[in-house]
Protein backbone atom coordinates (compact mmCIF):
# COMPACT_ATOMS: atom_id res chain seq x y z
CA UNK A 1 -214.16 -59.05 39.34
CA UNK A 2 -214.89 -57.57 35.93
CA UNK A 3 -213.80 -54.32 34.29
CA UNK A 4 -216.76 -52.29 35.57
CA UNK A 5 -215.95 -53.32 39.16
CA UNK A 6 -212.38 -52.16 38.72
CA UNK A 7 -213.34 -48.86 37.09
CA UNK A 8 -215.72 -48.17 39.96
CA UNK A 9 -212.74 -47.91 42.31
CA UNK A 10 -211.46 -44.98 40.25
CA UNK A 11 -214.79 -43.18 40.51
CA UNK A 12 -214.17 -42.19 44.13
CA UNK A 13 -211.98 -39.09 44.39
CA UNK A 14 -210.35 -40.09 47.67
CA UNK A 15 -209.46 -43.57 46.45
CA UNK A 16 -208.11 -42.09 43.25
CA UNK A 17 -205.97 -39.64 45.26
CA UNK A 18 -204.62 -42.49 47.38
CA UNK A 19 -203.67 -44.48 44.29
CA UNK A 20 -201.90 -41.50 42.75
CA UNK A 21 -200.14 -40.83 46.05
CA UNK A 22 -198.79 -44.38 46.06
CA UNK A 23 -197.61 -44.29 42.45
CA UNK A 24 -193.84 -44.54 42.85
CA UNK A 25 -194.02 -44.04 46.61
CA UNK A 26 -194.67 -46.71 49.23
CA UNK A 27 -196.37 -45.23 52.32
CA UNK A 28 -197.70 -46.21 55.70
CA UNK A 29 -201.30 -45.62 56.70
CA UNK A 30 -200.44 -42.57 58.83
CA UNK A 31 -198.41 -40.97 56.06
CA UNK A 32 -201.35 -41.22 53.66
CA UNK A 33 -203.58 -39.52 56.26
CA UNK A 34 -201.12 -36.63 56.61
CA UNK A 35 -200.33 -36.22 52.92
CA UNK A 36 -203.92 -36.24 51.73
CA UNK A 37 -205.72 -34.83 54.80
CA UNK A 38 -208.14 -37.74 54.84
CA UNK A 39 -209.45 -39.05 58.19
CA UNK A 40 -207.84 -42.30 59.35
CA UNK A 41 -211.09 -44.27 59.30
CA UNK A 42 -211.71 -43.24 55.69
CA UNK A 43 -208.15 -44.11 54.71
CA UNK A 44 -208.61 -47.58 56.22
CA UNK A 45 -211.85 -48.13 54.32
CA UNK A 46 -210.34 -47.04 51.01
CA UNK A 47 -207.17 -49.09 51.52
CA UNK A 48 -209.27 -52.19 52.23
CA UNK A 49 -211.26 -51.75 49.00
CA UNK A 50 -208.16 -51.10 46.91
CA UNK A 51 -206.46 -54.15 48.39
CA UNK A 52 -209.46 -56.36 47.68
CA UNK A 53 -209.32 -55.30 44.03
CA UNK A 54 -205.57 -56.03 43.88
CA UNK A 55 -204.76 -52.42 43.05
CA UNK A 56 -202.50 -52.06 46.11
CA UNK A 57 -200.77 -54.37 48.58
CA UNK A 58 -198.88 -54.15 51.87
CA UNK A 59 -195.17 -55.03 51.72
CA UNK A 60 -193.06 -56.70 54.41
CA UNK A 61 -192.40 -53.32 56.02
CA UNK A 62 -196.14 -52.67 56.34
CA UNK A 63 -195.99 -49.94 53.69
CA UNK A 64 -198.68 -49.76 51.06
CA UNK A 65 -197.59 -50.03 47.43
CA UNK A 66 -199.44 -49.93 44.14
CA UNK A 67 -199.61 -53.17 42.12
CA UNK A 68 -198.63 -53.49 38.48
CA UNK A 69 -202.28 -53.54 37.45
CA UNK A 70 -202.86 -50.42 39.52
CA UNK A 71 -199.98 -48.70 37.76
CA UNK A 72 -201.33 -49.59 34.33
CA UNK A 73 -204.76 -48.24 35.12
CA UNK A 74 -203.29 -45.04 36.53
CA UNK A 75 -201.46 -44.46 33.24
CA UNK A 76 -204.78 -44.78 31.44
CA UNK A 77 -206.39 -42.37 33.88
CA UNK A 78 -203.59 -39.87 33.19
CA UNK A 79 -204.49 -39.98 29.49
CA UNK A 80 -208.11 -39.25 30.38
CA UNK A 81 -207.10 -36.33 32.60
CA UNK A 82 -205.07 -34.63 29.88
CA UNK A 83 -207.74 -35.41 27.30
CA UNK A 84 -210.49 -33.92 29.45
CA UNK A 85 -208.40 -30.78 30.00
CA UNK A 86 -208.30 -30.24 26.22
CA UNK A 87 -211.49 -32.10 25.28
CA UNK A 88 -212.97 -29.32 23.13
CA UNK A 89 -209.82 -29.12 21.01
CA UNK A 90 -209.42 -32.89 20.73
CA UNK A 91 -213.10 -33.44 19.90
CA UNK A 92 -213.05 -30.93 17.04
CA UNK A 93 -209.69 -31.81 15.47
CA UNK A 94 -208.32 -34.84 13.65
CA UNK A 95 -206.24 -36.78 16.19
CA UNK A 96 -205.84 -39.89 14.04
CA UNK A 97 -202.92 -38.10 12.38
CA UNK A 98 -201.06 -38.80 15.64
CA UNK A 99 -199.86 -42.43 15.82
CA UNK A 100 -201.47 -44.55 18.51
CA UNK A 101 -198.26 -45.14 20.48
CA UNK A 102 -197.92 -41.37 20.96
CA UNK A 103 -201.57 -40.92 21.88
CA UNK A 104 -200.93 -43.38 24.71
CA UNK A 105 -198.25 -41.00 26.00
CA UNK A 106 -200.65 -38.06 26.30
CA UNK A 107 -200.97 -38.70 30.00
CA UNK A 108 -197.42 -37.45 30.53
CA UNK A 109 -198.11 -34.12 28.81
CA UNK A 110 -199.51 -32.52 31.95
CA UNK A 111 -198.17 -29.04 31.16
CA UNK A 112 -199.75 -28.75 27.70
CA UNK A 113 -201.30 -25.38 26.91
CA UNK A 114 -203.89 -24.48 24.30
CA UNK A 115 -203.14 -21.55 22.01
CA UNK A 116 -206.34 -20.10 20.58
CA UNK A 117 -205.25 -16.82 18.99
CA UNK A 118 -203.94 -17.21 15.46
CA UNK A 119 -201.57 -14.21 15.54
CA UNK A 120 -200.04 -15.34 18.84
CA UNK A 121 -199.77 -18.89 17.52
CA UNK A 122 -197.87 -17.77 14.44
CA UNK A 123 -195.64 -15.54 16.56
CA UNK A 124 -194.74 -18.56 18.74
CA UNK A 125 -194.13 -20.55 15.54
CA UNK A 126 -191.72 -17.90 14.21
CA UNK A 127 -189.98 -17.42 17.57
CA UNK A 128 -189.26 -21.15 17.81
CA UNK A 129 -187.60 -20.89 14.41
CA UNK A 130 -185.63 -17.76 15.31
CA UNK A 131 -184.46 -18.94 18.73
CA UNK A 132 -183.46 -22.52 17.82
CA UNK A 133 -179.76 -23.21 18.45
CA UNK A 134 -179.33 -27.00 18.47
CA UNK A 135 -182.01 -28.39 16.15
CA UNK A 136 -185.11 -27.29 14.26
CA UNK A 137 -187.66 -29.71 12.82
CA UNK A 138 -190.86 -28.71 11.04
CA UNK A 139 -193.79 -30.19 9.16
CA UNK A 140 -195.66 -27.67 7.04
CA UNK A 141 -198.17 -27.41 4.24
CA UNK A 142 -197.21 -23.83 3.51
CA UNK A 143 -194.36 -22.02 1.79
CA UNK A 144 -192.45 -20.61 4.78
CA UNK A 145 -190.25 -17.71 3.66
CA UNK A 146 -189.41 -16.94 7.28
CA UNK A 147 -188.20 -20.47 7.92
CA UNK A 148 -185.95 -20.47 4.86
CA UNK A 149 -184.42 -17.08 5.53
CA UNK A 150 -183.79 -17.91 9.17
CA UNK A 151 -182.29 -21.24 8.13
CA UNK A 152 -179.80 -19.46 5.88
CA UNK A 153 -178.63 -17.21 8.71
CA UNK A 154 -178.35 -20.09 11.17
CA UNK A 155 -176.37 -22.22 8.77
CA UNK A 156 -173.92 -19.36 8.32
CA UNK A 157 -173.42 -18.61 11.98
CA UNK A 158 -173.66 -21.88 13.88
CA UNK A 159 -173.94 -25.63 13.77
CA UNK A 160 -177.60 -26.59 13.84
CA UNK A 161 -179.61 -29.54 12.52
CA UNK A 162 -182.53 -28.38 10.38
CA UNK A 163 -185.04 -30.75 8.82
CA UNK A 164 -188.34 -30.10 7.10
CA UNK A 165 -191.23 -32.17 5.79
CA UNK A 166 -193.30 -30.28 3.23
CA UNK A 167 -196.45 -30.97 1.27
CA UNK A 168 -195.72 -31.92 -2.32
CA UNK A 169 -198.06 -29.12 -3.45
CA UNK A 170 -195.49 -26.64 -2.12
CA UNK A 171 -193.17 -27.76 -4.92
CA UNK A 172 -195.30 -26.65 -7.82
CA UNK A 173 -194.62 -28.08 -11.26
CA UNK A 174 -191.89 -30.33 -9.90
CA UNK A 175 -189.65 -27.32 -9.41
CA UNK A 176 -188.17 -25.22 -6.66
CA UNK A 177 -191.01 -22.84 -5.71
CA UNK A 178 -190.89 -19.52 -7.47
CA UNK A 179 -189.04 -16.98 -5.39
CA UNK A 180 -186.85 -19.35 -3.38
CA UNK A 181 -183.68 -18.46 -5.25
CA UNK A 182 -184.25 -14.71 -4.75
CA UNK A 183 -184.45 -15.08 -0.98
CA UNK A 184 -180.77 -15.82 -0.54
CA UNK A 185 -177.54 -13.97 -1.15
CA UNK A 186 -176.18 -17.06 -2.84
CA UNK A 187 -178.91 -19.61 -3.53
CA UNK A 188 -176.62 -22.37 -4.79
CA UNK A 189 -174.41 -22.00 -1.74
CA UNK A 190 -177.48 -22.11 0.51
CA UNK A 191 -178.84 -25.27 -1.05
CA UNK A 192 -175.45 -26.95 -0.79
CA UNK A 193 -174.96 -25.96 2.84
CA UNK A 194 -178.49 -26.92 3.72
CA UNK A 195 -178.09 -30.30 2.02
CA UNK A 196 -181.67 -30.07 0.83
CA UNK A 197 -181.77 -33.63 -0.50
CA UNK A 198 -180.85 -34.89 2.97
CA UNK A 199 -182.81 -32.45 5.11
CA UNK A 200 -186.04 -31.86 3.20
CA UNK A 201 -188.53 -34.61 2.40
CA UNK A 202 -191.94 -34.65 0.77
CA UNK A 203 -195.21 -35.92 2.23
CA UNK A 204 -198.02 -36.69 -0.18
CA UNK A 205 -200.57 -35.48 2.34
CA UNK A 206 -200.04 -33.39 5.44
CA UNK A 207 -202.74 -33.44 8.12
CA UNK A 208 -200.80 -31.66 10.85
CA UNK A 209 -198.19 -28.94 11.16
CA UNK A 210 -195.50 -28.55 13.80
CA UNK A 211 -192.29 -26.84 14.77
CA UNK A 212 -189.99 -28.17 17.48
CA UNK A 213 -186.60 -27.11 18.76
CA UNK A 214 -184.79 -27.43 22.06
CA UNK A 215 -186.75 -24.31 23.12
CA UNK A 216 -190.19 -25.93 22.84
CA UNK A 217 -192.79 -27.16 20.41
CA UNK A 218 -196.10 -26.25 18.79
CA UNK A 219 -198.60 -28.59 17.12
CA UNK A 220 -201.50 -27.76 14.79
CA UNK A 221 -204.06 -30.41 13.80
CA UNK A 222 -206.57 -30.57 10.96
CA UNK A 223 -210.15 -29.44 11.32
CA UNK A 224 -212.78 -29.95 8.62
CA UNK A 225 -210.13 -31.18 6.20
CA UNK A 226 -207.63 -28.33 6.61
CA UNK A 227 -204.90 -27.60 9.13
CA UNK A 228 -206.30 -25.21 11.71
CA UNK A 229 -203.77 -22.51 12.61
CA UNK A 230 -206.20 -20.74 14.95
CA UNK A 231 -205.72 -23.36 17.69
CA UNK A 232 -202.71 -25.38 18.76
CA UNK A 233 -201.09 -27.38 21.54
CA UNK A 234 -197.83 -25.97 22.85
CA UNK A 235 -195.30 -26.49 25.63
CA UNK A 236 -191.61 -25.94 26.34
CA UNK A 237 -191.01 -28.76 28.80
CA UNK A 238 -188.58 -31.53 27.90
CA UNK A 239 -191.12 -34.34 27.65
CA UNK A 240 -193.27 -32.47 25.14
CA UNK A 241 -190.18 -31.53 23.12
CA UNK A 242 -189.21 -35.21 22.94
CA UNK A 243 -192.81 -36.20 22.17
CA UNK A 244 -193.00 -33.76 19.24
CA UNK A 245 -189.57 -34.90 18.02
CA UNK A 246 -190.80 -38.49 18.02
CA UNK A 247 -193.91 -37.42 16.10
CA UNK A 248 -191.71 -35.66 13.54
CA UNK A 249 -189.43 -38.69 13.20
CA UNK A 250 -192.45 -40.96 12.65
CA UNK A 251 -193.46 -38.84 9.66
CA UNK A 252 -189.86 -38.34 8.53
CA UNK A 253 -189.60 -42.06 7.87
CA UNK A 254 -192.65 -41.76 5.61
CA UNK A 255 -191.22 -38.82 3.68
CA UNK A 256 -190.05 -39.10 0.08
CA UNK A 257 -186.73 -37.96 -1.34
CA UNK A 258 -186.81 -34.47 -2.82
CA UNK A 259 -184.90 -35.24 -6.03
CA UNK A 260 -187.80 -36.57 -8.12
CA UNK A 261 -189.68 -33.33 -7.42
CA UNK A 262 -186.97 -31.00 -8.75
CA UNK A 263 -185.90 -30.67 -12.36
CA UNK A 264 -182.60 -32.33 -13.15
CA UNK A 265 -181.10 -29.19 -14.66
CA UNK A 266 -181.62 -27.45 -11.30
CA UNK A 267 -180.39 -30.09 -8.86
CA UNK A 268 -177.37 -30.83 -11.02
CA UNK A 269 -176.07 -27.37 -10.12
CA UNK A 270 -176.65 -27.78 -6.41
C-alpha cells in the first residue's frame, strides 16, 4: 500500500464519515448504521476496506475503533477542511508569518469566522481592547491611541496583564512617539504602572497584527507586502484564544527590549 492508495480511502464521503464517527468513539456495526443513516450492506463494505488499509480495527468486544494511523490522517484532513473553508483568504494572504506548528493546529479551529468589512473589523479590534478584564495581548504596526488610553484606565481600575509588540517604525527617532505623553493625566505614572520596559517589545518587521483577550481574538495577515485590515480571522472560543496567545508568545520571544529605542533622558525619569 502506498500513499495514493491510502488517500483514496478518504475520497469516499461515506468512508470519511465513518472514520470521523469512530474518532474517539468505538462503535458496533449497527450503531454506525443508525448514527450515519447508511445501509448495513454499505457499512460492511466500507468497514472491510478501512480494515484492509489498517485505518480501523475490531477490538475484543467487537467494536470498531480507529487506528493510530487513521487518527493521524484524520488530523490532516481536519486541516484541509478548515483551509478549504477559508481558502480564498489563505491563498491571498501571507501565512508563512504563522509558525508551522500552529498551522498544523488549524484543523481544531472549526469555528473560525472571516471578517471582511474593515469598519466592523476595527470595531471588533477596539471592543476586544475595551472589554478585556484578565489579559490583553497585541501585535501592531500602527500607533494605537485607543489601546494606550484604554490601557491607562484598566491599569487604574483593575489587575490586568497587558503586553504589546510594536513595529520599530512606531518609535520614530528612537523616542517615545510624539503625542504619547499628552494622552495621559500623568504620563510618568502611566509608564511606571504599565512597566513599559517589561510589557512592550519591539519587532524589526511585523507581518501580522492581532489582539487577543479572554473575550476572543482577531488576526490580520499581510497581503501584497502590507497588513490587510480589510479581512481577518476571528473567533471567541477557547481554543482559538489559546491558539492566538501561543502565536503572540512565539513572537514575544523574538521581541527586543524597548530601552535601546528610547532616549536615556526620557527613560531615566520613568
